[in-house]
Amino acid sequence: HYSIFLYSLRDEKKLWVVDEIDHCLHPFLTRFVVMEALNHPGAESQLLVTTHDVTLMTQEIWRTDEVWFTNKEPRGDSSIYSLYQFKPRFDADIEKKYREGLWGAVPILSEVKNVRTEKE
């Protein structure tokens, strides 16, 4: 799967869209795949990924204008916005600040009500 993906990113002009790139991959392998895809000299392809793996949220991998968040609104609709609008410092630990809720788009578990299992 990913070997063909990496090879074609290096040698062709393509847009690769990968939903949940971290699905079924160890976090270290996911990071390796993304870094290889983005750091190949002369690559003219583009990579668009979605993920829930916050360990990939680092300025070592992405520019701030390349990180986008999806936030579920109380009415049920979603909003999308870029990390760039927050203008984080170049040395900011964006994963840590995300976990602290600074960028939003974090589920608020205390607001989850009436969650039941099938046995109830």
Protein backbone atom coordinates (compact mmCIF):
# COMPACT_ATOMS: atom_id res chain seq x y z
CA HIS A 1 0.00 0.00 0.00
CA TYR A 2 2.25 2.75 1.30
CA SER A 3 5.33 1.75 -0.69
CA ILE A 4 3.45 2.43 -3.96
CA PHE A 5 2.14 5.64 -2.45
CA LEU A 6 5.63 6.86 -1.48
CA TYR A 7 7.14 5.87 -4.81
CA SER A 8 4.51 7.70 -6.83
CA LEU A 9 4.80 10.84 -4.68
CA ARG A 10 8.46 11.03 -5.61
CA ASP A 11 8.16 10.60 -9.33
CA GLU A 12 4.80 11.93 -10.47
CA LYS A 13 2.71 15.06 -10.22
CA LYS A 14 -0.24 13.83 -8.22
CA LEU A 15 -2.55 14.84 -5.45
CA TRP A 16 -2.82 12.11 -2.83
CA VAL A 17 -5.78 12.39 -0.46
CA VAL A 18 -5.57 10.01 2.49
CA ASP A 19 -8.41 9.97 5.01
CA GLU A 20 -7.21 8.86 8.45
CA ILE A 21 -3.61 8.24 7.37
CA ASP A 22 -2.92 6.90 10.86
CA HIS A 23 -5.52 4.13 10.53
CA CYS A 24 -3.91 0.72 11.11
CA LEU A 25 -0.39 2.16 11.29
CA HIS A 26 1.90 2.53 14.26
CA PRO A 27 2.36 6.26 15.06
CA PHE A 28 6.10 6.03 14.26
CA LEU A 29 5.33 4.52 10.86
CA THR A 30 2.69 7.16 10.13
CA ARG A 31 5.19 9.89 10.93
CA PHE A 32 7.81 8.22 8.73
CA VAL A 33 5.40 7.97 5.79
CA VAL A 34 4.38 11.62 6.07
CA MET A 35 7.96 12.84 6.48
CA GLU A 36 9.13 10.80 3.49
CA ALA A 37 6.30 12.12 1.35
CA LEU A 38 6.95 15.74 2.27
CA ASN A 39 10.73 15.80 2.34
CA HIS A 40 11.66 14.14 -0.92
CA PRO A 41 13.80 16.56 -2.97
CA GLY A 42 12.17 17.56 -6.23
CA ALA A 43 8.79 16.05 -5.37
CA GLU A 44 5.99 17.81 -7.22
CA SER A 45 3.08 15.88 -5.74
CA GLN A 46 0.82 17.11 -2.97
CA LEU A 47 -0.35 15.26 0.09
CA LEU A 48 -3.66 15.98 1.83
CA VAL A 49 -4.32 13.92 4.95
CA THR A 50 -6.79 13.74 7.79
CA THR A 51 -5.80 12.29 11.13
CA HIS A 52 -6.69 12.11 14.80
CA ASP A 53 -3.04 11.44 15.67
CA VAL A 54 -2.00 14.57 17.54
CA THR A 55 1.64 13.44 17.59
CA LEU A 56 1.75 14.50 13.93
CA MET A 57 0.84 18.03 14.98
CA THR A 58 4.29 19.55 14.91
CA GLN A 59 5.98 22.41 13.11
CA GLU A 60 8.78 19.97 12.29
CA ILE A 61 6.37 18.43 9.76
CA TRP A 62 3.86 21.16 8.85
CA ARG A 63 3.76 24.89 8.35
CA THR A 64 1.03 26.59 10.37
CA ASP A 65 -0.97 27.32 7.21
CA GLU A 66 -1.01 23.58 6.47
CA VAL A 67 -2.74 22.57 9.72
CA TRP A 68 -6.51 22.88 9.70
CA PHE A 69 -8.99 22.06 12.44
CA THR A 70 -12.60 20.95 12.29
CA ASN A 71 -14.74 22.00 15.21
CA LYS A 72 -18.21 20.59 15.88
CA GLU A 73 -20.55 23.41 16.84
CA PRO A 74 -23.32 23.02 19.47
CA ARG A 75 -26.01 23.14 16.74
CA GLY A 76 -24.38 20.15 15.04
CA ASP A 77 -22.71 21.97 12.15
CA SER A 78 -18.93 22.08 11.75
CA SER A 79 -16.49 24.90 11.25
CA ILE A 80 -13.03 24.64 9.71
CA TYR A 81 -10.13 27.00 10.37
CA SER A 82 -6.37 27.15 10.08
CA LEU A 83 -3.74 27.11 12.81
CA TYR A 84 -2.19 30.04 10.95
CA GLN A 85 -4.86 32.43 12.24
CA PHE A 86 -3.49 31.95 15.79
CA LYS A 87 0.02 32.99 14.68
CA PRO A 88 1.92 30.59 16.98
CA ARG A 89 5.62 31.22 17.53
CA PHE A 90 8.00 29.25 15.32
CA ASP A 91 9.15 27.24 18.36
CA ALA A 92 5.68 26.63 19.84
CA ASP A 93 4.77 23.09 20.85
CA ILE A 94 1.53 23.06 18.90
CA GLU A 95 0.60 19.53 19.98
CA LYS A 96 0.82 20.52 23.64
CA LYS A 97 -1.15 23.72 23.09
CA TYR A 98 -3.79 21.76 21.17
CA ARG A 99 -4.12 19.28 24.05
CA GLU A 100 -4.57 22.26 26.39
CA GLY A 101 -7.47 23.43 24.20
CA LEU A 102 -5.79 26.61 22.93
CA TRP A 103 -6.64 25.95 19.28
CA GLY A 104 -10.14 24.57 19.91
CA ALA A 105 -11.47 21.56 18.00
CA VAL A 106 -11.13 19.37 21.09
CA PRO A 107 -14.10 17.30 22.27
CA ILE A 108 -15.45 18.57 25.59
CA LEU A 109 -16.17 15.31 27.34
CA SER A 110 -17.92 16.93 30.29
CA GLU A 111 -20.67 18.03 27.88
CA VAL A 112 -21.42 14.49 26.72
CA LYS A 113 -24.81 13.62 28.20
CA ASN A 114 -26.99 10.54 28.19
CA VAL A 115 -24.34 8.25 26.77
CA ARG A 116 -25.64 4.70 27.05
CA THR A 117 -24.33 1.34 26.09
CA GLU A 118 -26.41 -1.23 24.22
CA LYS A 119 -26.84 -3.23 27.45
CA GLU A 120 -28.68 -0.38 29.22
